[in-house]
Amino acid sequence: DAIATRLTNMDDVVAHTTRACRTGAAHSGPPHYELIRG
């Protein structure tokens, strides 16, 4: 949670990761990861 909180302050990292997760999920099964603070 401490790491996720720090990363959420990085708008470019969050935007890139959010888009990649969304696109990847459309072409695969359930993700192998969990989301913490998105």
PDB file of all heavy atoms in Angstrom:
ATOM      1  N   ASP A   1       0.834  -1.204   0.000  1.00  0.00           N
ATOM      2  CA  ASP A   1       0.000   0.000   0.000  1.00  0.00           C
ATOM      3  C   ASP A   1       0.869   1.255   0.000  1.00  0.00           C
ATOM      4  O   ASP A   1       0.545   2.246  -0.674  1.00  0.00           O
ATOM      5  CB  ASP A   1      -0.928  -0.003   1.213  1.00  0.00           C
ATOM      6  CG  ASP A   1      -1.960   1.113   1.140  1.00  0.00           C
ATOM      7  OD1 ASP A   1      -2.860   1.025   0.279  1.00  0.00           O
ATOM      8  OD2 ASP A   1      -1.856   2.083   1.926  1.00  0.00           O
ATOM      9  N   ALA A   2       1.977   1.230   0.743  1.00  0.00           N
ATOM     10  CA  ALA A   2       2.879   2.382   0.753  1.00  0.00           C
ATOM     11  C   ALA A   2       3.477   2.620  -0.632  1.00  0.00           C
ATOM     12  O   ALA A   2       3.603   3.769  -1.085  1.00  0.00           O
ATOM     13  CB  ALA A   2       3.978   2.159   1.784  1.00  0.00           C
ATOM     14  N   ILE A   3       3.844   1.541  -1.312  1.00  0.00           N
ATOM     15  CA  ILE A   3       4.400   1.664  -2.666  1.00  0.00           C
ATOM     16  C   ILE A   3       3.348   2.177  -3.635  1.00  0.00           C
ATOM     17  O   ILE A   3       3.613   3.078  -4.449  1.00  0.00           O
ATOM     18  CB  ILE A   3       4.963   0.304  -3.123  1.00  0.00           C
ATOM     19  CG1 ILE A   3       6.215  -0.045  -2.312  1.00  0.00           C
ATOM     20  CG2 ILE A   3       5.273   0.316  -4.617  1.00  0.00           C
ATOM     21  CD1 ILE A   3       6.709  -1.464  -2.526  1.00  0.00           C
ATOM     22  N   ALA A   4       2.146   1.609  -3.560  1.00  0.00           N
ATOM     23  CA  ALA A   4       1.072   2.038  -4.461  1.00  0.00           C
ATOM     24  C   ALA A   4       0.741   3.514  -4.256  1.00  0.00           C
ATOM     25  O   ALA A   4       0.499   4.249  -5.223  1.00  0.00           O
ATOM     26  CB  ALA A   4      -0.170   1.176  -4.242  1.00  0.00           C
ATOM     27  N   THR A   5       0.737   3.936  -2.999  1.00  0.00           N
ATOM     28  CA  THR A   5       0.456   5.341  -2.713  1.00  0.00           C
ATOM     29  C   THR A   5       1.491   6.242  -3.365  1.00  0.00           C
ATOM     30  O   THR A   5       1.162   7.288  -3.941  1.00  0.00           O
ATOM     31  CB  THR A   5       0.427   5.575  -1.194  1.00  0.00           C
ATOM     32  OG1 THR A   5      -0.593   4.752  -0.613  1.00  0.00           O
ATOM     33  CG2 THR A   5       0.146   7.032  -0.869  1.00  0.00           C
ATOM     34  N   ARG A   6       2.754   5.846  -3.280  1.00  0.00           N
ATOM     35  CA  ARG A   6       3.814   6.647  -3.903  1.00  0.00           C
ATOM     36  C   ARG A   6       3.659   6.665  -5.430  1.00  0.00           C
ATOM     37  O   ARG A   6       3.801   7.712  -6.067  1.00  0.00           O
ATOM     38  CB  ARG A   6       5.181   6.083  -3.518  1.00  0.00           C
ATOM     39  CG  ARG A   6       6.384   6.842  -4.092  1.00  0.00           C
ATOM     40  CD  ARG A   6       6.550   8.210  -3.441  1.00  0.00           C
ATOM     41  NE  ARG A   6       6.862   8.072  -2.041  1.00  0.00           N
ATOM     42  CZ  ARG A   6       8.089   8.081  -1.531  1.00  0.00           C
ATOM     43  NH1 ARG A   6       9.127   8.243  -2.341  1.00  0.00           N
ATOM     44  NH2 ARG A   6       8.295   7.964  -0.240  1.00  0.00           N
ATOM     45  N   LEU A   7       3.361   5.520  -6.033  1.00  0.00           N
ATOM     46  CA  LEU A   7       3.250   5.449  -7.490  1.00  0.00           C
ATOM     47  C   LEU A   7       2.063   6.233  -8.027  1.00  0.00           C
ATOM     48  O   LEU A   7       2.106   6.741  -9.157  1.00  0.00           O
ATOM     49  CB  LEU A   7       3.151   3.989  -7.940  1.00  0.00           C
ATOM     50  CG  LEU A   7       4.442   3.166  -7.919  1.00  0.00           C
ATOM     51  CD1 LEU A   7       4.153   1.707  -8.237  1.00  0.00           C
ATOM     52  CD2 LEU A   7       5.475   3.725  -8.895  1.00  0.00           C
ATOM     53  N   THR A   8       0.995   6.327  -7.264  1.00  0.00           N
ATOM     54  CA  THR A   8      -0.185   7.055  -7.760  1.00  0.00           C
ATOM     55  C   THR A   8       0.100   8.536  -7.956  1.00  0.00           C
ATOM     56  O   THR A   8      -0.689   9.234  -8.618  1.00  0.00           O
ATOM     57  CB  THR A   8      -1.380   6.885  -6.802  1.00  0.00           C
ATOM     58  OG1 THR A   8      -0.990   7.269  -5.473  1.00  0.00           O
ATOM     59  CG2 THR A   8      -1.878   5.455  -6.793  1.00  0.00           C
ATOM     60  N   ASN A   9       1.192   9.033  -7.423  1.00  0.00           N
ATOM     61  CA  ASN A   9       1.575  10.424  -7.653  1.00  0.00           C
ATOM     62  C   ASN A   9       2.281  10.622  -8.993  1.00  0.00           C
ATOM     63  O   ASN A   9       2.576  11.761  -9.364  1.00  0.00           O
ATOM     64  CB  ASN A   9       2.494  10.910  -6.527  1.00  0.00           C
ATOM     65  CG  ASN A   9       1.783  10.965  -5.184  1.00  0.00           C
ATOM     66  OD1 ASN A   9       0.613  11.326  -5.115  1.00  0.00           O
ATOM     67  ND2 ASN A   9       2.480  10.606  -4.118  1.00  0.00           N
ATOM     68  N   MET A  10       2.555   9.514  -9.686  1.00  0.00           N
ATOM     69  CA  MET A  10       3.237   9.584 -10.984  1.00  0.00           C
ATOM     70  C   MET A  10       2.196   9.408 -12.089  1.00  0.00           C
ATOM     71  O   MET A  10       1.860   8.284 -12.482  1.00  0.00           O
ATOM     72  CB  MET A  10       4.331   8.521 -11.068  1.00  0.00           C
ATOM     73  CG  MET A  10       5.342   8.589  -9.932  1.00  0.00           C
ATOM     74  SD  MET A  10       6.657   7.339 -10.068  1.00  0.00           S
ATOM     75  CE  MET A  10       7.568   7.989 -11.473  1.00  0.00           C
ATOM     76  N   ASP A  11       1.681  10.518 -12.582  1.00  0.00           N
ATOM     77  CA  ASP A  11       0.563  10.459 -13.527  1.00  0.00           C
ATOM     78  C   ASP A  11       0.916   9.696 -14.794  1.00  0.00           C
ATOM     79  O   ASP A  11       0.081   8.957 -15.341  1.00  0.00           O
ATOM     80  CB  ASP A  11       0.112  11.880 -13.884  1.00  0.00           C
ATOM     81  CG  ASP A  11      -0.508  12.615 -12.708  1.00  0.00           C
ATOM     82  OD1 ASP A  11      -0.923  11.934 -11.738  1.00  0.00           O
ATOM     83  OD2 ASP A  11      -0.577  13.861 -12.756  1.00  0.00           O
ATOM     84  N   ASP A  12       2.139   9.864 -15.299  1.00  0.00           N
ATOM     85  CA  ASP A  12       2.501   9.189 -16.546  1.00  0.00           C
ATOM     86  C   ASP A  12       2.581   7.679 -16.361  1.00  0.00           C
ATOM     87  O   ASP A  12       2.135   6.904 -17.219  1.00  0.00           O
ATOM     88  CB  ASP A  12       3.808   9.740 -17.105  1.00  0.00           C
ATOM     89  CG  ASP A  12       4.937   9.786 -16.086  1.00  0.00           C
ATOM     90  OD1 ASP A  12       4.695   9.457 -14.906  1.00  0.00           O
ATOM     91  OD2 ASP A  12       6.071  10.157 -16.465  1.00  0.00           O
ATOM     92  N   VAL A  13       3.132   7.235 -15.234  1.00  0.00           N
ATOM     93  CA  VAL A  13       3.215   5.799 -14.961  1.00  0.00           C
ATOM     94  C   VAL A  13       1.819   5.212 -14.800  1.00  0.00           C
ATOM     95  O   VAL A  13       1.513   4.134 -15.333  1.00  0.00           O
ATOM     96  CB  VAL A  13       4.060   5.539 -13.704  1.00  0.00           C
ATOM     97  CG1 VAL A  13       4.031   4.053 -13.331  1.00  0.00           C
ATOM     98  CG2 VAL A  13       5.496   5.996 -13.924  1.00  0.00           C
ATOM     99  N   VAL A  14       0.954   5.916 -14.086  1.00  0.00           N
ATOM    100  CA  VAL A  14      -0.414   5.435 -13.867  1.00  0.00           C
ATOM    101  C   VAL A  14      -1.166   5.345 -15.186  1.00  0.00           C
ATOM    102  O   VAL A  14      -1.836   4.350 -15.474  1.00  0.00           O
ATOM    103  CB  VAL A  14      -1.156   6.343 -12.876  1.00  0.00           C
ATOM    104  CG1 VAL A  14      -2.636   5.975 -12.812  1.00  0.00           C
ATOM    105  CG2 VAL A  14      -0.535   6.243 -11.488  1.00  0.00           C
ATOM    106  N   ALA A  15      -1.055   6.382 -16.020  1.00  0.00           N
ATOM    107  CA  ALA A  15      -1.776   6.388 -17.295  1.00  0.00           C
ATOM    108  C   ALA A  15      -1.302   5.256 -18.199  1.00  0.00           C
ATOM    109  O   ALA A  15      -2.112   4.541 -18.810  1.00  0.00           O
ATOM    110  CB  ALA A  15      -1.592   7.734 -17.992  1.00  0.00           C
ATOM    111  N   HIS A  16       0.020   5.075 -18.295  1.00  0.00           N
ATOM    112  CA  HIS A  16       0.566   4.004 -19.142  1.00  0.00           C
ATOM    113  C   HIS A  16       0.131   2.638 -18.629  1.00  0.00           C
ATOM    114  O   HIS A  16      -0.287   1.765 -19.396  1.00  0.00           O
ATOM    115  CB  HIS A  16       2.092   4.089 -19.172  1.00  0.00           C
ATOM    116  CG  HIS A  16       2.734   3.002 -19.960  1.00  0.00           C
ATOM    117  ND1 HIS A  16       3.035   1.760 -19.431  1.00  0.00           N
ATOM    118  CD2 HIS A  16       3.130   2.947 -21.255  1.00  0.00           C
ATOM    119  CE1 HIS A  16       3.577   1.007 -20.357  1.00  0.00           C
ATOM    120  NE2 HIS A  16       3.653   1.700 -21.469  1.00  0.00           N
ATOM    121  N   THR A  17       0.214   2.443 -17.324  1.00  0.00           N
ATOM    122  CA  THR A  17      -0.123   1.147 -16.740  1.00  0.00           C
ATOM    123  C   THR A  17      -1.603   0.842 -16.866  1.00  0.00           C
ATOM    124  O   THR A  17      -1.996  -0.283 -17.183  1.00  0.00           O
ATOM    125  CB  THR A  17       0.313   1.115 -15.267  1.00  0.00           C
ATOM    126  OG1 THR A  17       1.734   1.315 -15.200  1.00  0.00           O
ATOM    127  CG2 THR A  17      -0.046  -0.205 -14.609  1.00  0.00           C
ATOM    128  N   THR A  18      -2.438   1.837 -16.638  1.00  0.00           N
ATOM    129  CA  THR A  18      -3.884   1.631 -16.747  1.00  0.00           C
ATOM    130  C   THR A  18      -4.280   1.216 -18.154  1.00  0.00           C
ATOM    131  O   THR A  18      -5.066   0.286 -18.354  1.00  0.00           O
ATOM    132  CB  THR A  18      -4.631   2.920 -16.351  1.00  0.00           C
ATOM    133  OG1 THR A  18      -4.292   3.270 -15.006  1.00  0.00           O
ATOM    134  CG2 THR A  18      -6.130   2.726 -16.450  1.00  0.00           C
ATOM    135  N   ARG A  19      -3.710   1.892 -19.151  1.00  0.00           N
ATOM    136  CA  ARG A  19      -4.027   1.551 -20.541  1.00  0.00           C
ATOM    137  C   ARG A  19      -3.524   0.160 -20.889  1.00  0.00           C
ATOM    138  O   ARG A  19      -4.224  -0.623 -21.548  1.00  0.00           O
ATOM    139  CB  ARG A  19      -3.418   2.583 -21.482  1.00  0.00           C
ATOM    140  CG  ARG A  19      -3.763   2.342 -22.951  1.00  0.00           C
ATOM    141  CD  ARG A  19      -3.161   3.382 -23.856  1.00  0.00           C
ATOM    142  NE  ARG A  19      -1.697   3.334 -23.850  1.00  0.00           N
ATOM    143  CZ  ARG A  19      -0.923   4.032 -24.692  1.00  0.00           C
ATOM    144  NH1 ARG A  19      -1.473   4.859 -25.557  1.00  0.00           N
ATOM    145  NH2 ARG A  19       0.383   3.929 -24.635  1.00  0.00           N
ATOM    146  N   ALA A  20      -2.312  -0.175 -20.455  1.00  0.00           N
ATOM    147  CA  ALA A  20      -1.751  -1.491 -20.758  1.00  0.00           C
ATOM    148  C   ALA A  20      -2.568  -2.600 -20.112  1.00  0.00           C
ATOM    149  O   ALA A  20      -2.821  -3.637 -20.735  1.00  0.00           O
ATOM    150  CB  ALA A  20      -0.301  -1.557 -20.292  1.00  0.00           C
ATOM    151  N   CYS A  21      -2.970  -2.403 -18.868  1.00  0.00           N
ATOM    152  CA  CYS A  21      -3.792  -3.415 -18.188  1.00  0.00           C
ATOM    153  C   CYS A  21      -5.118  -3.605 -18.912  1.00  0.00           C
ATOM    154  O   CYS A  21      -5.585  -4.738 -19.097  1.00  0.00           O
ATOM    155  CB  CYS A  21      -4.045  -3.008 -16.741  1.00  0.00           C
ATOM    156  SG  CYS A  21      -2.628  -3.183 -15.641  1.00  0.00           S
ATOM    157  N   ARG A  22      -5.724  -2.509 -19.331  1.00  0.00           N
ATOM    158  CA  ARG A  22      -7.021  -2.588 -20.006  1.00  0.00           C
ATOM    159  C   ARG A  22      -6.900  -3.323 -21.338  1.00  0.00           C
ATOM    160  O   ARG A  22      -7.714  -4.206 -21.656  1.00  0.00           O
ATOM    161  CB  ARG A  22      -7.568  -1.176 -20.215  1.00  0.00           C
ATOM    162  CG  ARG A  22      -8.952  -1.130 -20.856  1.00  0.00           C
ATOM    163  CD  ARG A  22      -9.507   0.283 -20.881  1.00  0.00           C
ATOM    164  NE  ARG A  22      -8.718   1.190 -21.712  1.00  0.00           N
ATOM    165  CZ  ARG A  22      -7.983   2.190 -21.246  1.00  0.00           C
ATOM    166  NH1 ARG A  22      -7.909   2.419 -19.949  1.00  0.00           N
ATOM    167  NH2 ARG A  22      -7.310   2.971 -22.084  1.00  0.00           N
ATOM    168  N   THR A  23      -5.874  -2.973 -22.101  1.00  0.00           N
ATOM    169  CA  THR A  23      -5.696  -3.615 -23.407  1.00  0.00           C
ATOM    170  C   THR A  23      -5.325  -5.079 -23.261  1.00  0.00           C
ATOM    171  O   THR A  23      -5.853  -5.945 -23.961  1.00  0.00           O
ATOM    172  CB  THR A  23      -4.614  -2.876 -24.204  1.00  0.00           C
ATOM    173  OG1 THR A  23      -4.989  -1.505 -24.359  1.00  0.00           O
ATOM    174  CG2 THR A  23      -4.424  -3.509 -25.564  1.00  0.00           C
ATOM    175  N   GLY A  24      -4.404  -5.371 -22.346  1.00  0.00           N
ATOM    176  CA  GLY A  24      -3.997  -6.754 -22.148  1.00  0.00           C
ATOM    177  C   GLY A  24      -5.148  -7.629 -21.686  1.00  0.00           C
ATOM    178  O   GLY A  24      -5.290  -8.773 -22.131  1.00  0.00           O
ATOM    179  N   ALA A  25      -5.984  -7.096 -20.775  1.00  0.00           N
ATOM    180  CA  ALA A  25      -7.107  -7.871 -20.253  1.00  0.00           C
ATOM    181  C   ALA A  25      -8.097  -8.229 -21.355  1.00  0.00           C
ATOM    182  O   ALA A  25      -8.752  -9.278 -21.301  1.00  0.00           O
ATOM    183  CB  ALA A  25      -7.810  -7.093 -19.144  1.00  0.00           C
ATOM    184  N   ALA A  26      -8.211  -7.383 -22.381  1.00  0.00           N
ATOM    185  CA  ALA A  26      -9.146  -7.664 -23.477  1.00  0.00           C
ATOM    186  C   ALA A  26      -8.695  -8.845 -24.316  1.00  0.00           C
ATOM    187  O   ALA A  26      -9.508  -9.445 -25.032  1.00  0.00           O
ATOM    188  CB  ALA A  26      -9.289  -6.426 -24.364  1.00  0.00           C
ATOM    189  N   HIS A  27      -7.399  -9.203 -24.237  1.00  0.00           N
ATOM    190  CA  HIS A  27      -6.859 -10.273 -25.080  1.00  0.00           C
ATOM    191  C   HIS A  27      -6.327 -11.448 -24.273  1.00  0.00           C
ATOM    192  O   HIS A  27      -5.536 -12.247 -24.784  1.00  0.00           O
ATOM    193  CB  HIS A  27      -5.736  -9.720 -25.956  1.00  0.00           C
ATOM    194  CG  HIS A  27      -6.208  -8.785 -27.031  1.00  0.00           C
ATOM    195  ND1 HIS A  27      -6.701  -9.240 -28.230  1.00  0.00           N
ATOM    196  CD2 HIS A  27      -6.280  -7.429 -27.070  1.00  0.00           C
ATOM    197  CE1 HIS A  27      -7.041  -8.210 -28.980  1.00  0.00           C
ATOM    198  NE2 HIS A  27      -6.810  -7.091 -28.294  1.00  0.00           N
ATOM    199  N   SER A  28      -6.719 -11.568 -23.020  1.00  0.00           N
ATOM    200  CA  SER A  28      -6.227 -12.669 -22.197  1.00  0.00           C
ATOM    201  C   SER A  28      -7.290 -13.058 -21.193  1.00  0.00           C
ATOM    202  O   SER A  28      -8.356 -12.429 -21.090  1.00  0.00           O
ATOM    203  CB  SER A  28      -4.940 -12.256 -21.468  1.00  0.00           C
ATOM    204  OG  SER A  28      -5.180 -11.165 -20.605  1.00  0.00           O
ATOM    205  N   GLY A  29      -6.994 -14.095 -20.443  1.00  0.00           N
ATOM    206  CA  GLY A  29      -7.894 -14.540 -19.393  1.00  0.00           C
ATOM    207  C   GLY A  29      -7.759 -13.657 -18.165  1.00  0.00           C
ATOM    208  O   GLY A  29      -7.246 -12.537 -18.232  1.00  0.00           O
ATOM    209  N   PRO A  30      -8.214 -14.167 -17.009  1.00  0.00           N
ATOM    210  CA  PRO A  30      -8.086 -13.390 -15.770  1.00  0.00           C
ATOM    211  C   PRO A  30      -6.633 -13.016 -15.523  1.00  0.00           C
ATOM    212  O   PRO A  30      -5.726 -13.809 -15.750  1.00  0.00           O
ATOM    213  CB  PRO A  30      -8.600 -14.359 -14.700  1.00  0.00           C
ATOM    214  CG  PRO A  30      -9.483 -15.321 -15.444  1.00  0.00           C
ATOM    215  CD  PRO A  30      -8.862 -15.469 -16.798  1.00  0.00           C
ATOM    216  N   PRO A  31      -6.376 -11.785 -15.081  1.00  0.00           N
ATOM    217  CA  PRO A  31      -4.986 -11.351 -14.886  1.00  0.00           C
ATOM    218  C   PRO A  31      -4.300 -12.134 -13.776  1.00  0.00           C
ATOM    219  O   PRO A  31      -4.933 -12.642 -12.861  1.00  0.00           O
ATOM    220  CB  PRO A  31      -5.124  -9.866 -14.514  1.00  0.00           C
ATOM    221  CG  PRO A  31      -6.510  -9.740 -13.969  1.00  0.00           C
ATOM    222  CD  PRO A  31      -7.339 -10.735 -14.727  1.00  0.00           C
ATOM    223  N   HIS A  32      -2.965 -12.207 -13.864  1.00  0.00           N
ATOM    224  CA  HIS A  32      -2.191 -12.929 -12.864  1.00  0.00           C
ATOM    225  C   HIS A  32      -1.819 -12.031 -11.700  1.00  0.00           C
ATOM    226  O   HIS A  32      -1.105 -12.466 -10.798  1.00  0.00           O
ATOM    227  CB  HIS A  32      -0.916 -13.514 -13.496  1.00  0.00           C
ATOM    228  CG  HIS A  32       0.056 -12.503 -14.012  1.00  0.00           C
ATOM    229  ND1 HIS A  32      -0.232 -11.649 -15.042  1.00  0.00           N
ATOM    230  CD2 HIS A  32       1.327 -12.197 -13.632  1.00  0.00           C
ATOM    231  CE1 HIS A  32       0.810 -10.871 -15.282  1.00  0.00           C
ATOM    232  NE2 HIS A  32       1.761 -11.171 -14.442  1.00  0.00           N
ATOM    233  N   TYR A  33      -2.320 -10.801 -11.702  1.00  0.00           N
ATOM    234  CA  TYR A  33      -1.999  -9.839 -10.663  1.00  0.00           C
ATOM    235  C   TYR A  33      -3.283  -9.336  -9.992  1.00  0.00           C
ATOM    236  O   TYR A  33      -4.386  -9.565 -10.482  1.00  0.00           O
ATOM    237  CB  TYR A  33      -1.243  -8.647 -11.264  1.00  0.00           C
ATOM    238  CG  TYR A  33      -1.939  -8.033 -12.467  1.00  0.00           C
ATOM    239  CD1 TYR A  33      -3.018  -7.154 -12.324  1.00  0.00           C
ATOM    240  CD2 TYR A  33      -1.533  -8.351 -13.769  1.00  0.00           C
ATOM    241  CE1 TYR A  33      -3.672  -6.605 -13.417  1.00  0.00           C
ATOM    242  CE2 TYR A  33      -2.184  -7.807 -14.871  1.00  0.00           C
ATOM    243  CZ  TYR A  33      -3.247  -6.936 -14.687  1.00  0.00           C
ATOM    244  OH  TYR A  33      -3.885  -6.408 -15.768  1.00  0.00           O
ATOM    245  N   GLU A  34      -3.126  -8.651  -8.867  1.00  0.00           N
ATOM    246  CA  GLU A  34      -4.224  -7.948  -8.225  1.00  0.00           C
ATOM    247  C   GLU A  34      -3.963  -6.455  -8.314  1.00  0.00           C
ATOM    248  O   GLU A  34      -2.823  -6.021  -8.493  1.00  0.00           O
ATOM    249  CB  GLU A  34      -4.370  -8.357  -6.761  1.00  0.00           C
ATOM    250  CG  GLU A  34      -3.160  -8.032  -5.887  1.00  0.00           C
ATOM    251  CD  GLU A  34      -3.391  -8.366  -4.424  1.00  0.00           C
ATOM    252  OE1 GLU A  34      -4.215  -7.659  -3.794  1.00  0.00           O
ATOM    253  OE2 GLU A  34      -2.751  -9.321  -3.939  1.00  0.00           O
ATOM    254  N   LEU A  35      -5.019  -5.660  -8.210  1.00  0.00           N
ATOM    255  CA  LEU A  35      -4.878  -4.212  -8.269  1.00  0.00           C
ATOM    256  C   LEU A  35      -4.911  -3.636  -6.860  1.00  0.00           C
ATOM    257  O   LEU A  35      -5.814  -3.930  -6.076  1.00  0.00           O
ATOM    258  CB  LEU A  35      -5.993  -3.597  -9.117  1.00  0.00           C
ATOM    259  CG  LEU A  35      -5.990  -3.967 -10.612  1.00  0.00           C
ATOM    260  CD1 LEU A  35      -7.177  -3.330 -11.306  1.00  0.00           C
ATOM    261  CD2 LEU A  35      -4.685  -3.536 -11.275  1.00  0.00           C
ATOM    262  N   ILE A  36      -3.924  -2.829  -6.538  1.00  0.00           N
ATOM    263  CA  ILE A  36      -3.876  -2.090  -5.282  1.00  0.00           C
ATOM    264  C   ILE A  36      -3.798  -0.619  -5.647  1.00  0.00           C
ATOM    265  O   ILE A  36      -2.854  -0.195  -6.323  1.00  0.00           O
ATOM    266  CB  ILE A  36      -2.670  -2.513  -4.422  1.00  0.00           C
ATOM    267  CG1 ILE A  36      -2.772  -4.003  -4.057  1.00  0.00           C
ATOM    268  CG2 ILE A  36      -2.576  -1.656  -3.163  1.00  0.00           C
ATOM    269  CD1 ILE A  36      -1.588  -4.525  -3.263  1.00  0.00           C
ATOM    270  N   ARG A  37      -4.814   0.112  -5.248  1.00  0.00           N
ATOM    271  CA  ARG A  37      -4.944   1.521  -5.646  1.00  0.00           C
ATOM    272  C   ARG A  37      -4.877   1.667  -7.163  1.00  0.00           C
ATOM    273  O   ARG A  37      -4.304   2.626  -7.708  1.00  0.00           O
ATOM    274  CB  ARG A  37      -3.903   2.393  -4.950  1.00  0.00           C
ATOM    275  CG  ARG A  37      -4.051   2.429  -3.425  1.00  0.00           C
ATOM    276  CD  ARG A  37      -3.087   3.405  -2.779  1.00  0.00           C
ATOM    277  NE  ARG A  37      -3.224   3.377  -1.318  1.00  0.00           N
ATOM    278  CZ  ARG A  37      -4.056   4.157  -0.617  1.00  0.00           C
ATOM    279  NH1 ARG A  37      -4.825   5.030  -1.249  1.00  0.00           N
ATOM    280  NH2 ARG A  37      -4.114   4.064   0.706  1.00  0.00           N
ATOM    281  N   GLY A  38      -5.434   0.675  -7.856  1.00  0.00           N
ATOM    282  CA  GLY A  38      -5.516   0.708  -9.308  1.00  0.00           C
ATOM    283  C   GLY A  38      -4.276   0.256 -10.037  1.00  0.00           C
ATOM    284  O   GLY A  38      -4.248   0.282 -11.277  1.00  0.00           O
TER     285      GLY A  38
END
